[in-house]
Amino acid sequence: QEHFGFLVDWKLIGPFDNTDKSGFDVAYGPESDLASKSKYRG
């Protein structure tokens, strides 16, 4: 991990909708609001 420089500590959230690959271009909440305590509708 250290030799290659991998980032290993993350905050993760999901799932948001990607039905029919529709979610790739949808700016869900985390894209504008990175507050780690925020909650979203997924």
PDB file of all heavy atoms in Angstrom:
ATOM      1  N   GLN A   1       0.840  -1.198   0.000  1.00  0.00           N
ATOM      2  CA  GLN A   1       0.000   0.000   0.000  1.00  0.00           C
ATOM      3  C   GLN A   1       0.876   1.249   0.000  1.00  0.00           C
ATOM      4  O   GLN A   1       0.649   2.191  -0.776  1.00  0.00           O
ATOM      5  CB  GLN A   1      -0.907   0.007   1.220  1.00  0.00           C
ATOM      6  CG  GLN A   1      -2.010  -1.030   1.216  1.00  0.00           C
ATOM      7  CD  GLN A   1      -2.883  -0.934   2.461  1.00  0.00           C
ATOM      8  OE1 GLN A   1      -2.531  -0.258   3.428  1.00  0.00           O
ATOM      9  NE2 GLN A   1      -4.027  -1.596   2.446  1.00  0.00           N
ATOM     10  N   GLU A   2       1.862   1.259   0.862  1.00  0.00           N
ATOM     11  CA  GLU A   2       2.745   2.424   0.975  1.00  0.00           C
ATOM     12  C   GLU A   2       3.673   2.535  -0.217  1.00  0.00           C
ATOM     13  O   GLU A   2       3.930   3.629  -0.719  1.00  0.00           O
ATOM     14  CB  GLU A   2       3.560   2.320   2.268  1.00  0.00           C
ATOM     15  CG  GLU A   2       4.423   3.534   2.556  1.00  0.00           C
ATOM     16  CD  GLU A   2       5.092   3.458   3.913  1.00  0.00           C
ATOM     17  OE1 GLU A   2       4.378   3.576   4.922  1.00  0.00           O
ATOM     18  OE2 GLU A   2       6.330   3.252   3.959  1.00  0.00           O
ATOM     19  N   HIS A   3       4.182   1.402  -0.688  1.00  0.00           N
ATOM     20  CA  HIS A   3       5.118   1.445  -1.819  1.00  0.00           C
ATOM     21  C   HIS A   3       4.481   2.085  -3.041  1.00  0.00           C
ATOM     22  O   HIS A   3       5.116   2.875  -3.747  1.00  0.00           O
ATOM     23  CB  HIS A   3       5.599   0.039  -2.170  1.00  0.00           C
ATOM     24  CG  HIS A   3       6.529   0.019  -3.348  1.00  0.00           C
ATOM     25  ND1 HIS A   3       7.862   0.351  -3.256  1.00  0.00           N
ATOM     26  CD2 HIS A   3       6.305  -0.246  -4.672  1.00  0.00           C
ATOM     27  CE1 HIS A   3       8.426   0.281  -4.451  1.00  0.00           C
ATOM     28  NE2 HIS A   3       7.496  -0.075  -5.326  1.00  0.00           N
ATOM     29  N   PHE A   4       3.224   1.752  -3.308  1.00  0.00           N
ATOM     30  CA  PHE A   4       2.554   2.284  -4.494  1.00  0.00           C
ATOM     31  C   PHE A   4       1.808   3.590  -4.232  1.00  0.00           C
ATOM     32  O   PHE A   4       1.428   4.285  -5.163  1.00  0.00           O
ATOM     33  CB  PHE A   4       1.577   1.250  -5.056  1.00  0.00           C
ATOM     34  CG  PHE A   4       2.231   0.131  -5.809  1.00  0.00           C
ATOM     35  CD1 PHE A   4       2.164  -1.173  -5.348  1.00  0.00           C
ATOM     36  CD2 PHE A   4       2.927   0.378  -6.981  1.00  0.00           C
ATOM     37  CE1 PHE A   4       2.764  -2.214  -6.051  1.00  0.00           C
ATOM     38  CE2 PHE A   4       3.527  -0.654  -7.697  1.00  0.00           C
ATOM     39  CZ  PHE A   4       3.449  -1.954  -7.224  1.00  0.00           C
ATOM     40  N   GLY A   5       1.557   3.923  -2.965  1.00  0.00           N
ATOM     41  CA  GLY A   5       0.847   5.156  -2.656  1.00  0.00           C
ATOM     42  C   GLY A   5      -0.665   5.041  -2.732  1.00  0.00           C
ATOM     43  O   GLY A   5      -1.352   6.015  -3.071  1.00  0.00           O
ATOM     44  N   PHE A   6      -1.206   3.860  -2.399  1.00  0.00           N
ATOM     45  CA  PHE A   6      -2.660   3.689  -2.418  1.00  0.00           C
ATOM     46  C   PHE A   6      -3.306   4.456  -1.272  1.00  0.00           C
ATOM     47  O   PHE A   6      -2.791   4.490  -0.148  1.00  0.00           O
ATOM     48  CB  PHE A   6      -3.029   2.211  -2.297  1.00  0.00           C
ATOM     49  CG  PHE A   6      -2.798   1.423  -3.557  1.00  0.00           C
ATOM     50  CD1 PHE A   6      -1.756   0.514  -3.644  1.00  0.00           C
ATOM     51  CD2 PHE A   6      -3.620   1.606  -4.660  1.00  0.00           C
ATOM     52  CE1 PHE A   6      -1.538  -0.209  -4.807  1.00  0.00           C
ATOM     53  CE2 PHE A   6      -3.405   0.898  -5.830  1.00  0.00           C
ATOM     54  CZ  PHE A   6      -2.361  -0.014  -5.903  1.00  0.00           C
ATOM     55  N   LEU A   7      -4.443   5.074  -1.552  1.00  0.00           N
ATOM     56  CA  LEU A   7      -5.249   5.704  -0.514  1.00  0.00           C
ATOM     57  C   LEU A   7      -6.170   4.631   0.056  1.00  0.00           C
ATOM     58  O   LEU A   7      -6.869   3.941  -0.688  1.00  0.00           O
ATOM     59  CB  LEU A   7      -6.058   6.863  -1.085  1.00  0.00           C
ATOM     60  CG  LEU A   7      -5.252   7.979  -1.767  1.00  0.00           C
ATOM     61  CD1 LEU A   7      -6.157   9.144  -2.133  1.00  0.00           C
ATOM     62  CD2 LEU A   7      -4.102   8.452  -0.893  1.00  0.00           C
ATOM     63  N   VAL A   8      -6.173   4.497   1.366  1.00  0.00           N
ATOM     64  CA  VAL A   8      -6.871   3.366   1.988  1.00  0.00           C
ATOM     65  C   VAL A   8      -7.968   3.773   2.954  1.00  0.00           C
ATOM     66  O   VAL A   8      -8.808   2.944   3.320  1.00  0.00           O
ATOM     67  CB  VAL A   8      -5.864   2.439   2.708  1.00  0.00           C
ATOM     68  CG1 VAL A   8      -4.871   1.859   1.708  1.00  0.00           C
ATOM     69  CG2 VAL A   8      -5.127   3.183   3.819  1.00  0.00           C
ATOM     70  N   ASP A   9      -8.006   5.033   3.397  1.00  0.00           N
ATOM     71  CA  ASP A   9      -9.018   5.491   4.357  1.00  0.00           C
ATOM     72  C   ASP A   9     -10.067   6.330   3.639  1.00  0.00           C
ATOM     73  O   ASP A   9      -9.751   7.406   3.104  1.00  0.00           O
ATOM     74  CB  ASP A   9      -8.367   6.305   5.479  1.00  0.00           C
ATOM     75  CG  ASP A   9      -7.392   5.475   6.295  1.00  0.00           C
ATOM     76  OD1 ASP A   9      -7.737   4.311   6.605  1.00  0.00           O
ATOM     77  OD2 ASP A   9      -6.295   5.973   6.621  1.00  0.00           O
ATOM     78  N   TRP A  10     -11.319   5.852   3.644  1.00  0.00           N
ATOM     79  CA  TRP A  10     -12.369   6.470   2.856  1.00  0.00           C
ATOM     80  C   TRP A  10     -13.648   6.643   3.655  1.00  0.00           C
ATOM     81  O   TRP A  10     -13.920   5.882   4.576  1.00  0.00           O
ATOM     82  CB  TRP A  10     -12.690   5.600   1.631  1.00  0.00           C
ATOM     83  CG  TRP A  10     -11.578   5.486   0.646  1.00  0.00           C
ATOM     84  CD1 TRP A  10     -10.635   4.499   0.586  1.00  0.00           C
ATOM     85  CD2 TRP A  10     -11.290   6.379  -0.431  1.00  0.00           C
ATOM     86  NE1 TRP A  10      -9.770   4.720  -0.458  1.00  0.00           N
ATOM     87  CE2 TRP A  10     -10.144   5.877  -1.094  1.00  0.00           C
ATOM     88  CE3 TRP A  10     -11.882   7.559  -0.900  1.00  0.00           C
ATOM     89  CZ2 TRP A  10      -9.603   6.511  -2.205  1.00  0.00           C
ATOM     90  CZ3 TRP A  10     -11.329   8.193  -1.995  1.00  0.00           C
ATOM     91  CH2 TRP A  10     -10.208   7.665  -2.638  1.00  0.00           C
ATOM     92  N   LYS A  11     -14.450   7.617   3.252  1.00  0.00           N
ATOM     93  CA  LYS A  11     -15.852   7.715   3.625  1.00  0.00           C
ATOM     94  C   LYS A  11     -16.648   7.329   2.380  1.00  0.00           C
ATOM     95  O   LYS A  11     -16.399   7.854   1.285  1.00  0.00           O
ATOM     96  CB  LYS A  11     -16.211   9.133   4.076  1.00  0.00           C
ATOM     97  CG  LYS A  11     -15.625   9.515   5.428  1.00  0.00           C
ATOM     98  CD  LYS A  11     -16.098  10.897   5.820  1.00  0.00           C
ATOM     99  CE  LYS A  11     -15.683  11.238   7.251  1.00  0.00           C
ATOM    100  NZ  LYS A  11     -14.226  11.417   7.388  1.00  0.00           N
ATOM    101  N   LEU A  12     -17.584   6.399   2.530  1.00  0.00           N
ATOM    102  CA  LEU A  12     -18.321   5.846   1.398  1.00  0.00           C
ATOM    103  C   LEU A  12     -19.813   6.063   1.595  1.00  0.00           C
ATOM    104  O   LEU A  12     -20.308   6.034   2.728  1.00  0.00           O
ATOM    105  CB  LEU A  12     -18.041   4.346   1.278  1.00  0.00           C
ATOM    106  CG  LEU A  12     -16.569   3.937   1.217  1.00  0.00           C
ATOM    107  CD1 LEU A  12     -16.425   2.436   1.397  1.00  0.00           C
ATOM    108  CD2 LEU A  12     -15.946   4.380  -0.101  1.00  0.00           C
ATOM    109  N   ILE A  13     -20.505   6.259   0.468  1.00  0.00           N
ATOM    110  CA  ILE A  13     -21.958   6.415   0.554  1.00  0.00           C
ATOM    111  C   ILE A  13     -22.607   5.898  -0.730  1.00  0.00           C
ATOM    112  O   ILE A  13     -22.079   6.068  -1.831  1.00  0.00           O
ATOM    113  CB  ILE A  13     -22.347   7.893   0.817  1.00  0.00           C
ATOM    114  CG1 ILE A  13     -23.798   8.000   1.248  1.00  0.00           C
ATOM    115  CG2 ILE A  13     -22.048   8.775  -0.385  1.00  0.00           C
ATOM    116  CD1 ILE A  13     -24.169   9.365   1.827  1.00  0.00           C
ATOM    117  N   GLY A  14     -23.762   5.258  -0.587  1.00  0.00           N
ATOM    118  CA  GLY A  14     -24.519   4.732  -1.714  1.00  0.00           C
ATOM    119  C   GLY A  14     -25.489   3.668  -1.224  1.00  0.00           C
ATOM    120  O   GLY A  14     -25.492   3.310  -0.042  1.00  0.00           O
ATOM    121  N   PRO A  15     -26.396   3.189  -2.072  1.00  0.00           N
ATOM    122  CA  PRO A  15     -26.411   3.427  -3.520  1.00  0.00           C
ATOM    123  C   PRO A  15     -27.348   4.562  -3.931  1.00  0.00           C
ATOM    124  O   PRO A  15     -28.431   4.718  -3.377  1.00  0.00           O
ATOM    125  CB  PRO A  15     -26.950   2.104  -4.052  1.00  0.00           C
ATOM    126  CG  PRO A  15     -27.928   1.666  -2.983  1.00  0.00           C
ATOM    127  CD  PRO A  15     -27.325   2.115  -1.677  1.00  0.00           C
ATOM    128  N   PHE A  16     -26.903   5.332  -4.930  1.00  0.00           N
ATOM    129  CA  PHE A  16     -27.775   6.238  -5.662  1.00  0.00           C
ATOM    130  C   PHE A  16     -28.165   5.545  -6.967  1.00  0.00           C
ATOM    131  O   PHE A  16     -27.584   4.525  -7.345  1.00  0.00           O
ATOM    132  CB  PHE A  16     -27.053   7.559  -5.947  1.00  0.00           C
ATOM    133  CG  PHE A  16     -26.678   8.323  -4.701  1.00  0.00           C
ATOM    134  CD1 PHE A  16     -25.462   8.093  -4.071  1.00  0.00           C
ATOM    135  CD2 PHE A  16     -27.534   9.263  -4.162  1.00  0.00           C
ATOM    136  CE1 PHE A  16     -25.106   8.789  -2.916  1.00  0.00           C
ATOM    137  CE2 PHE A  16     -27.202   9.968  -3.011  1.00  0.00           C
ATOM    138  CZ  PHE A  16     -25.979   9.721  -2.388  1.00  0.00           C
ATOM    139  N   ASP A  17     -29.135   6.096  -7.662  1.00  0.00           N
ATOM    140  CA  ASP A  17     -29.710   5.395  -8.814  1.00  0.00           C
ATOM    141  C   ASP A  17     -28.844   5.502 -10.068  1.00  0.00           C
ATOM    142  O   ASP A  17     -28.374   6.588 -10.425  1.00  0.00           O
ATOM    143  CB  ASP A  17     -31.113   5.950  -9.112  1.00  0.00           C
ATOM    144  CG  ASP A  17     -31.828   5.115 -10.158  1.00  0.00           C
ATOM    145  OD1 ASP A  17     -31.695   3.880 -10.125  1.00  0.00           O
ATOM    146  OD2 ASP A  17     -32.509   5.705 -11.016  1.00  0.00           O
ATOM    147  N   ASN A  18     -28.640   4.348 -10.725  1.00  0.00           N
ATOM    148  CA  ASN A  18     -27.966   4.313 -12.022  1.00  0.00           C
ATOM    149  C   ASN A  18     -28.715   3.383 -12.978  1.00  0.00           C
ATOM    150  O   ASN A  18     -28.114   2.728 -13.823  1.00  0.00           O
ATOM    151  CB  ASN A  18     -26.513   3.848 -11.869  1.00  0.00           C
ATOM    152  CG  ASN A  18     -25.698   4.065 -13.136  1.00  0.00           C
ATOM    153  OD1 ASN A  18     -25.852   5.080 -13.815  1.00  0.00           O
ATOM    154  ND2 ASN A  18     -24.828   3.118 -13.456  1.00  0.00           N
ATOM    155  N   THR A  19     -30.028   3.341 -12.840  1.00  0.00           N
ATOM    156  CA  THR A  19     -30.854   2.521 -13.724  1.00  0.00           C
ATOM    157  C   THR A  19     -30.642   2.947 -15.177  1.00  0.00           C
ATOM    158  O   THR A  19     -30.649   4.147 -15.491  1.00  0.00           O
ATOM    159  CB  THR A  19     -32.347   2.669 -13.366  1.00  0.00           C
ATOM    160  OG1 THR A  19     -32.527   2.283 -11.999  1.00  0.00           O
ATOM    161  CG2 THR A  19     -33.205   1.790 -14.260  1.00  0.00           C
ATOM    162  N   ASP A  20     -30.412   1.975 -16.045  1.00  0.00           N
ATOM    163  CA  ASP A  20     -30.150   2.245 -17.470  1.00  0.00           C
ATOM    164  C   ASP A  20     -28.960   3.186 -17.651  1.00  0.00           C
ATOM    165  O   ASP A  20     -28.922   3.994 -18.588  1.00  0.00           O
ATOM    166  CB  ASP A  20     -31.388   2.831 -18.149  1.00  0.00           C
ATOM    167  CG  ASP A  20     -32.552   1.858 -18.171  1.00  0.00           C
ATOM    168  OD1 ASP A  20     -32.305   0.636 -18.254  1.00  0.00           O
ATOM    169  OD2 ASP A  20     -33.711   2.313 -18.089  1.00  0.00           O
ATOM    170  N   LYS A  21     -28.009   3.114 -16.733  1.00  0.00           N
ATOM    171  CA  LYS A  21     -26.791   3.937 -16.786  1.00  0.00           C
ATOM    172  C   LYS A  21     -27.106   5.430 -16.740  1.00  0.00           C
ATOM    173  O   LYS A  21     -26.347   6.257 -17.255  1.00  0.00           O
ATOM    174  CB  LYS A  21     -25.966   3.614 -18.036  1.00  0.00           C
ATOM    175  CG  LYS A  21     -25.587   2.154 -18.185  1.00  0.00           C
ATOM    176  CD  LYS A  21     -24.812   1.929 -19.482  1.00  0.00           C
ATOM    177  CE  LYS A  21     -24.539   0.445 -19.708  1.00  0.00           C
ATOM    178  NZ  LYS A  21     -23.828   0.215 -20.990  1.00  0.00           N
ATOM    179  N   SER A  22     -28.207   5.772 -16.098  1.00  0.00           N
ATOM    180  CA  SER A  22     -28.661   7.168 -16.094  1.00  0.00           C
ATOM    181  C   SER A  22     -27.952   8.034 -15.063  1.00  0.00           C
ATOM    182  O   SER A  22     -28.044   9.264 -15.110  1.00  0.00           O
ATOM    183  CB  SER A  22     -30.170   7.203 -15.817  1.00  0.00           C
ATOM    184  OG  SER A  22     -30.454   6.625 -14.534  1.00  0.00           O
ATOM    185  N   GLY A  23     -27.247   7.421 -14.110  1.00  0.00           N
ATOM    186  CA  GLY A  23     -26.694   8.190 -13.002  1.00  0.00           C
ATOM    187  C   GLY A  23     -25.324   8.775 -13.211  1.00  0.00           C
ATOM    188  O   GLY A  23     -24.871   9.603 -12.415  1.00  0.00           O
ATOM    189  N   PHE A  24     -24.645   8.378 -14.293  1.00  0.00           N
ATOM    190  CA  PHE A  24     -23.270   8.843 -14.491  1.00  0.00           C
ATOM    191  C   PHE A  24     -23.197  10.363 -14.577  1.00  0.00           C
ATOM    192  O   PHE A  24     -22.274  10.986 -14.050  1.00  0.00           O
ATOM    193  CB  PHE A  24     -22.686   8.211 -15.757  1.00  0.00           C
ATOM    194  CG  PHE A  24     -21.233   8.518 -15.984  1.00  0.00           C
ATOM    195  CD1 PHE A  24     -20.248   7.843 -15.279  1.00  0.00           C
ATOM    196  CD2 PHE A  24     -20.841   9.478 -16.909  1.00  0.00           C
ATOM    197  CE1 PHE A  24     -18.902   8.122 -15.477  1.00  0.00           C
ATOM    198  CE2 PHE A  24     -19.498   9.765 -17.124  1.00  0.00           C
ATOM    199  CZ  PHE A  24     -18.526   9.083 -16.403  1.00  0.00           C
ATOM    200  N   ASP A  25     -24.173  10.971 -15.251  1.00  0.00           N
ATOM    201  CA  ASP A  25     -24.161  12.424 -15.428  1.00  0.00           C
ATOM    202  C   ASP A  25     -25.072  13.165 -14.453  1.00  0.00           C
ATOM    203  O   ASP A  25     -25.263  14.379 -14.582  1.00  0.00           O
ATOM    204  CB  ASP A  25     -24.573  12.774 -16.865  1.00  0.00           C
ATOM    205  CG  ASP A  25     -23.510  12.374 -17.880  1.00  0.00           C
ATOM    206  OD1 ASP A  25     -22.312  12.564 -17.581  1.00  0.00           O
ATOM    207  OD2 ASP A  25     -23.871  11.858 -18.954  1.00  0.00           O
ATOM    208  N   VAL A  26     -25.634  12.456 -13.490  1.00  0.00           N
ATOM    209  CA  VAL A  26     -26.488  13.099 -12.487  1.00  0.00           C
ATOM    210  C   VAL A  26     -25.617  13.540 -11.314  1.00  0.00           C
ATOM    211  O   VAL A  26     -24.871  12.744 -10.737  1.00  0.00           O
ATOM    212  CB  VAL A  26     -27.581  12.142 -11.987  1.00  0.00           C
ATOM    213  CG1 VAL A  26     -28.398  12.811 -10.878  1.00  0.00           C
ATOM    214  CG2 VAL A  26     -28.490  11.733 -13.143  1.00  0.00           C
ATOM    215  N   ALA A  27     -25.698  14.811 -10.966  1.00  0.00           N
ATOM    216  CA  ALA A  27     -24.898  15.344  -9.850  1.00  0.00           C
ATOM    217  C   ALA A  27     -25.647  15.118  -8.545  1.00  0.00           C
ATOM    218  O   ALA A  27     -26.382  15.989  -8.072  1.00  0.00           O
ATOM    219  CB  ALA A  27     -24.610  16.827 -10.071  1.00  0.00           C
ATOM    220  N   TYR A  28     -25.481  13.949  -7.972  1.00  0.00           N
ATOM    221  CA  TYR A  28     -26.099  13.666  -6.679  1.00  0.00           C
ATOM    222  C   TYR A  28     -25.432  14.507  -5.586  1.00  0.00           C
ATOM    223  O   TYR A  28     -24.363  15.092  -5.793  1.00  0.00           O
ATOM    224  CB  TYR A  28     -25.996  12.176  -6.359  1.00  0.00           C
ATOM    225  CG  TYR A  28     -26.821  11.302  -7.278  1.00  0.00           C
ATOM    226  CD1 TYR A  28     -26.222  10.432  -8.193  1.00  0.00           C
ATOM    227  CD2 TYR A  28     -28.210  11.339  -7.233  1.00  0.00           C
ATOM    228  CE1 TYR A  28     -26.980   9.628  -9.033  1.00  0.00           C
ATOM    229  CE2 TYR A  28     -28.983  10.533  -8.070  1.00  0.00           C
ATOM    230  CZ  TYR A  28     -28.356   9.696  -8.971  1.00  0.00           C
ATOM    231  OH  TYR A  28     -29.116   8.912  -9.811  1.00  0.00           O
ATOM    232  N   GLY A  29     -26.076  14.533  -4.421  1.00  0.00           N
ATOM    233  CA  GLY A  29     -25.661  15.415  -3.342  1.00  0.00           C
ATOM    234  C   GLY A  29     -24.181  15.478  -3.025  1.00  0.00           C
ATOM    235  O   GLY A  29     -23.621  16.574  -2.855  1.00  0.00           O
ATOM    236  N   PRO A  30     -23.475  14.346  -2.934  1.00  0.00           N
ATOM    237  CA  PRO A  30     -22.059  14.413  -2.577  1.00  0.00           C
ATOM    238  C   PRO A  30     -21.193  15.228  -3.528  1.00  0.00           C
ATOM    239  O   PRO A  30     -20.105  15.674  -3.159  1.00  0.00           O
ATOM    240  CB  PRO A  30     -21.639  12.941  -2.592  1.00  0.00           C
ATOM    241  CG  PRO A  30     -22.893  12.198  -2.251  1.00  0.00           C
ATOM    242  CD  PRO A  30     -23.980  12.962  -2.960  1.00  0.00           C
ATOM    243  N   GLU A  31     -21.657  15.450  -4.751  1.00  0.00           N
ATOM    244  CA  GLU A  31     -20.847  16.207  -5.699  1.00  0.00           C
ATOM    245  C   GLU A  31     -20.813  17.696  -5.371  1.00  0.00           C
ATOM    246  O   GLU A  31     -19.921  18.423  -5.822  1.00  0.00           O
ATOM    247  CB  GLU A  31     -21.361  15.989  -7.124  1.00  0.00           C
ATOM    248  CG  GLU A  31     -21.148  14.562  -7.600  1.00  0.00           C
ATOM    249  CD  GLU A  31     -21.595  14.343  -9.035  1.00  0.00           C
ATOM    250  OE1 GLU A  31     -21.529  15.301  -9.837  1.00  0.00           O
ATOM    251  OE2 GLU A  31     -22.000  13.204  -9.355  1.00  0.00           O
ATOM    252  N   SER A  32     -21.783  18.160  -4.569  1.00  0.00           N
ATOM    253  CA  SER A  32     -21.795  19.575  -4.204  1.00  0.00           C
ATOM    254  C   SER A  32     -21.717  19.792  -2.705  1.00  0.00           C
ATOM    255  O   SER A  32     -21.445  20.900  -2.245  1.00  0.00           O
ATOM    256  CB  SER A  32     -23.061  20.252  -4.747  1.00  0.00           C
ATOM    257  OG  SER A  32     -24.217  19.595  -4.247  1.00  0.00           O
ATOM    258  N   ASP A  33     -21.942  18.721  -1.949  1.00  0.00           N
ATOM    259  CA  ASP A  33     -21.969  18.845  -0.492  1.00  0.00           C
ATOM    260  C   ASP A  33     -21.177  17.695   0.106  1.00  0.00           C
ATOM    261  O   ASP A  33     -21.652  16.567   0.178  1.00  0.00           O
ATOM    262  CB  ASP A  33     -23.420  18.802   0.004  1.00  0.00           C
ATOM    263  CG  ASP A  33     -23.498  18.802   1.523  1.00  0.00           C
ATOM    264  OD1 ASP A  33     -22.496  19.146   2.167  1.00  0.00           O
ATOM    265  OD2 ASP A  33     -24.565  18.449   2.048  1.00  0.00           O
ATOM    266  N   LEU A  34     -19.957  17.992   0.543  1.00  0.00           N
ATOM    267  CA  LEU A  34     -19.083  16.940   1.038  1.00  0.00           C
ATOM    268  C   LEU A  34     -19.066  16.852   2.559  1.00  0.00           C
ATOM    269  O   LEU A  34     -18.193  16.224   3.132  1.00  0.00           O
ATOM    270  CB  LEU A  34     -17.649  17.174   0.536  1.00  0.00           C
ATOM    271  CG  LEU A  34     -17.440  16.913  -0.955  1.00  0.00           C
ATOM    272  CD1 LEU A  34     -16.028  17.280  -1.363  1.00  0.00           C
ATOM    273  CD2 LEU A  34     -17.718  15.453  -1.280  1.00  0.00           C
ATOM    274  N   ALA A  35     -20.005  17.473   3.226  1.00  0.00           N
ATOM    275  CA  ALA A  35     -20.054  17.385   4.690  1.00  0.00           C
ATOM    276  C   ALA A  35     -20.257  15.929   5.090  1.00  0.00           C
ATOM    277  O   ALA A  35     -21.224  15.296   4.690  1.00  0.00           O
ATOM    278  CB  ALA A  35     -21.185  18.241   5.239  1.00  0.00           C
ATOM    279  N   SER A  36     -19.339  15.404   5.870  1.00  0.00           N
ATOM    280  CA  SER A  36     -19.340  13.967   6.155  1.00  0.00           C
ATOM    281  C   SER A  36     -20.545  13.518   6.974  1.00  0.00           C
ATOM    282  O   SER A  36     -20.840  12.340   7.038  1.00  0.00           O
ATOM    283  CB  SER A  36     -18.057  13.584   6.903  1.00  0.00           C
ATOM    284  OG  SER A  36     -17.982  14.272   8.135  1.00  0.00           O
ATOM    285  N   LYS A  37     -21.263  14.467   7.591  1.00  0.00           N
ATOM    286  CA  LYS A  37     -22.425  14.096   8.383  1.00  0.00           C
ATOM    287  C   LYS A  37     -23.726  14.246   7.596  1.00  0.00           C
ATOM    288  O   LYS A  37     -24.811  13.965   8.112  1.00  0.00           O
ATOM    289  CB  LYS A  37     -22.485  14.940   9.658  1.00  0.00           C
ATOM    290  CG  LYS A  37     -21.336  14.674  10.623  1.00  0.00           C
ATOM    291  CD  LYS A  37     -21.471  15.489  11.901  1.00  0.00           C
ATOM    292  CE  LYS A  37     -20.307  15.209  12.848  1.00  0.00           C
ATOM    293  NZ  LYS A  37     -20.411  16.013  14.105  1.00  0.00           N
ATOM    294  N   SER A  38     -23.633  14.692   6.362  1.00  0.00           N
ATOM    295  CA  SER A  38     -24.843  14.893   5.567  1.00  0.00           C
ATOM    296  C   SER A  38     -25.519  13.569   5.257  1.00  0.00           C
ATOM    297  O   SER A  38     -24.872  12.531   5.117  1.00  0.00           O
ATOM    298  CB  SER A  38     -24.506  15.595   4.254  1.00  0.00           C
ATOM    299  OG  SER A  38     -24.075  16.909   4.488  1.00  0.00           O
ATOM    300  N   LYS A  39     -26.834  13.601   5.119  1.00  0.00           N
ATOM    301  CA  LYS A  39     -27.611  12.448   4.706  1.00  0.00           C
ATOM    302  C   LYS A  39     -28.305  12.783   3.400  1.00  0.00           C
ATOM    303  O   LYS A  39     -28.631  13.939   3.129  1.00  0.00           O
ATOM    304  CB  LYS A  39     -28.626  12.068   5.786  1.00  0.00           C
ATOM    305  CG  LYS A  39     -27.976  11.586   7.087  1.00  0.00           C
ATOM    306  CD  LYS A  39     -29.013  11.121   8.101  1.00  0.00           C
ATOM    307  CE  LYS A  39     -28.332  10.605   9.362  1.00  0.00           C
ATOM    308  NZ  LYS A  39     -29.312  10.117  10.374  1.00  0.00           N
ATOM    309  N   TYR A  40     -28.552  11.768   2.590  1.00  0.00           N
ATOM    310  CA  TYR A  40     -29.138  11.968   1.278  1.00  0.00           C
ATOM    311  C   TYR A  40     -30.206  10.922   1.023  1.00  0.00           C
ATOM    312  O   TYR A  40     -30.236   9.865   1.660  1.00  0.00           O
ATOM    313  CB  TYR A  40     -28.067  11.858   0.179  1.00  0.00           C
ATOM    314  CG  TYR A  40     -26.848  12.724   0.406  1.00  0.00           C
ATOM    315  CD1 TYR A  40     -25.714  12.197   1.015  1.00  0.00           C
ATOM    316  CD2 TYR A  40     -26.822  14.045  -0.006  1.00  0.00           C
ATOM    317  CE1 TYR A  40     -24.579  12.984   1.215  1.00  0.00           C
ATOM    318  CE2 TYR A  40     -25.705  14.844   0.190  1.00  0.00           C
ATOM    319  CZ  TYR A  40     -24.587  14.303   0.802  1.00  0.00           C
ATOM    320  OH  TYR A  40     -23.480  15.073   1.004  1.00  0.00           O
ATOM    321  N   ARG A  41     -31.057  11.214   0.044  1.00  0.00           N
ATOM    322  CA  ARG A  41     -32.007  10.237  -0.441  1.00  0.00           C
ATOM    323  C   ARG A  41     -31.385   9.524  -1.638  1.00  0.00           C
ATOM    324  O   ARG A  41     -30.977  10.157  -2.606  1.00  0.00           O
ATOM    325  CB  ARG A  41     -33.323  10.904  -0.842  1.00  0.00           C
ATOM    326  CG  ARG A  41     -34.131  11.397   0.349  1.00  0.00           C
ATOM    327  CD  ARG A  41     -34.637  10.227   1.183  1.00  0.00           C
ATOM    328  NE  ARG A  41     -35.239  10.685   2.443  1.00  0.00           N
ATOM    329  CZ  ARG A  41     -35.711   9.870   3.375  1.00  0.00           C
ATOM    330  NH1 ARG A  41     -35.634   8.557   3.190  1.00  0.00           N
ATOM    331  NH2 ARG A  41     -36.222  10.358   4.481  1.00  0.00           N
ATOM    332  N   GLY A  42     -31.305   8.206  -1.539  1.00  0.00           N
ATOM    333  CA  GLY A  42     -30.663   7.434  -2.579  1.00  0.00           C
ATOM    334  C   GLY A  42     -31.629   6.591  -3.372  1.00  0.00           C
ATOM    335  O   GLY A  42     -32.815   6.918  -3.499  1.00  0.00           O
TER     336      GLY A  42
END
